[in-house]
Amino acid sequence: MKVTIIICQDNPEIIWNAFRLANMMLEGMDNVSIFLNGPSVRYEELDSERFPLKSLAKTFTLSEGVLYA
């Protein structure tokens, strides 16, 4: 199954949850991609100890997820 998640927010918690969902879906599905739109493209600037966005994005791409921005 192919799944694309579209993120259009700059709220770190929303982006964090989207990456977490995508990483869980990669465990059981073949094709998962994330499309970052608008303010969500700045997700690296929103990285924090509470919401480790860079780490989740790295896990996503290393697990063969596709990230579009």
C-alpha atoms as a PDB file:
ATOM      1  CA  MET A   1       0.000   0.000   0.000  1.00  0.00           C
ATOM      2  CA  LYS A   2       1.162   3.531  -0.739  1.00  0.00           C
ATOM      3  CA  VAL A   3       0.562   6.269   1.823  1.00  0.00           C
ATOM      4  CA  THR A   4       1.409   9.966   1.706  1.00  0.00           C
ATOM      5  CA  ILE A   5       1.173  12.204   4.760  1.00  0.00           C
ATOM      6  CA  ILE A   6       0.875  15.938   4.076  1.00  0.00           C
ATOM      7  CA  ILE A   7       2.004  18.321   6.821  1.00  0.00           C
ATOM      8  CA  CYS A   8       1.105  22.027   6.579  1.00  0.00           C
ATOM      9  CA  GLN A   9       1.737  23.158  10.165  1.00  0.00           C
ATOM     10  CA  ASP A  10       4.638  24.641  12.096  1.00  0.00           C
ATOM     11  CA  ASN A  11       3.430  23.176  15.383  1.00  0.00           C
ATOM     12  CA  PRO A  12       6.251  20.851  16.563  1.00  0.00           C
ATOM     13  CA  GLU A  13       3.840  18.425  18.243  1.00  0.00           C
ATOM     14  CA  ILE A  14       1.842  17.923  15.039  1.00  0.00           C
ATOM     15  CA  ILE A  15       4.991  17.344  12.977  1.00  0.00           C
ATOM     16  CA  TRP A  16       6.373  15.004  15.654  1.00  0.00           C
ATOM     17  CA  ASN A  17       3.196  12.913  15.648  1.00  0.00           C
ATOM     18  CA  ALA A  18       3.163  12.753  11.836  1.00  0.00           C
ATOM     19  CA  PHE A  19       6.753  11.469  11.749  1.00  0.00           C
ATOM     20  CA  ARG A  20       5.987   8.962  14.517  1.00  0.00           C
ATOM     21  CA  LEU A  21       2.956   7.678  12.593  1.00  0.00           C
ATOM     22  CA  ALA A  22       4.963   7.450   9.370  1.00  0.00           C
ATOM     23  CA  ASN A  23       7.754   5.511  11.095  1.00  0.00           C
ATOM     24  CA  MET A  24       5.241   3.043  12.553  1.00  0.00           C
ATOM     25  CA  MET A  25       3.597   2.624   9.153  1.00  0.00           C
ATOM     26  CA  LEU A  26       6.955   1.889   7.507  1.00  0.00           C
ATOM     27  CA  GLU A  27       7.266  -1.194   9.696  1.00  0.00           C
ATOM     28  CA  GLY A  28       4.241  -2.796   8.048  1.00  0.00           C
ATOM     29  CA  MET A  29       3.897  -1.092   4.656  1.00  0.00           C
ATOM     30  CA  ASP A  30       5.976  -0.788   1.518  1.00  0.00           C
ATOM     31  CA  ASN A  31       5.700   2.866   0.519  1.00  0.00           C
ATOM     32  CA  VAL A  32       5.268   5.771   2.919  1.00  0.00           C
ATOM     33  CA  SER A  33       6.086   9.357   2.030  1.00  0.00           C
ATOM     34  CA  ILE A  34       5.765  12.699   3.791  1.00  0.00           C
ATOM     35  CA  PHE A  35       5.130  15.942   1.935  1.00  0.00           C
ATOM     36  CA  LEU A  36       6.135  19.055   3.884  1.00  0.00           C
ATOM     37  CA  ASN A  37       4.206  22.123   2.772  1.00  0.00           C
ATOM     38  CA  GLY A  38       4.439  25.747   3.848  1.00  0.00           C
ATOM     39  CA  PRO A  39       5.738  26.345   7.375  1.00  0.00           C
ATOM     40  CA  SER A  40       6.387  22.641   8.049  1.00  0.00           C
ATOM     41  CA  VAL A  41       9.450  22.840   5.775  1.00  0.00           C
ATOM     42  CA  ARG A  42      11.226  24.500   8.737  1.00  0.00           C
ATOM     43  CA  TYR A  43      10.839  21.373  10.894  1.00  0.00           C
ATOM     44  CA  GLU A  44      14.585  21.261  11.676  1.00  0.00           C
ATOM     45  CA  GLU A  45      14.370  24.698  13.339  1.00  0.00           C
ATOM     46  CA  LEU A  46      11.552  23.397  15.560  1.00  0.00           C
ATOM     47  CA  ASP A  47      13.616  20.472  16.881  1.00  0.00           C
ATOM     48  CA  SER A  48      13.794  20.318  20.689  1.00  0.00           C
ATOM     49  CA  GLU A  49      14.399  17.850  23.495  1.00  0.00           C
ATOM     50  CA  ARG A  50      10.650  17.350  23.881  1.00  0.00           C
ATOM     51  CA  PHE A  51      10.037  16.962  20.123  1.00  0.00           C
ATOM     52  CA  PRO A  52      13.176  15.444  18.503  1.00  0.00           C
ATOM     53  CA  LEU A  53      12.110  16.107  14.921  1.00  0.00           C
ATOM     54  CA  LYS A  54      15.558  15.713  13.344  1.00  0.00           C
ATOM     55  CA  SER A  55      15.958  12.277  14.883  1.00  0.00           C
ATOM     56  CA  LEU A  56      12.534  11.099  13.692  1.00  0.00           C
ATOM     57  CA  ALA A  57      13.147  12.475  10.187  1.00  0.00           C
ATOM     58  CA  LYS A  58      16.498  10.691  10.040  1.00  0.00           C
ATOM     59  CA  THR A  59      14.901   7.404  11.130  1.00  0.00           C
ATOM     60  CA  PHE A  60      12.180   7.903   8.522  1.00  0.00           C
ATOM     61  CA  THR A  61      14.565   8.463   5.625  1.00  0.00           C
ATOM     62  CA  LEU A  62      16.944   5.675   6.705  1.00  0.00           C
ATOM     63  CA  SER A  63      13.951   3.318   6.795  1.00  0.00           C
ATOM     64  CA  GLU A  64      13.320   4.047   3.096  1.00  0.00           C
ATOM     65  CA  GLY A  65      10.625   6.636   3.679  1.00  0.00           C
ATOM     66  CA  VAL A  66      10.474   9.420   1.102  1.00  0.00           C
ATOM     67  CA  LEU A  67      10.503  13.025   2.295  1.00  0.00           C
ATOM     68  CA  TYR A  68       9.315  15.769  -0.070  1.00  0.00           C
ATOM     69  CA  ALA A  69       9.641  19.463   0.711  1.00  0.00           C
END
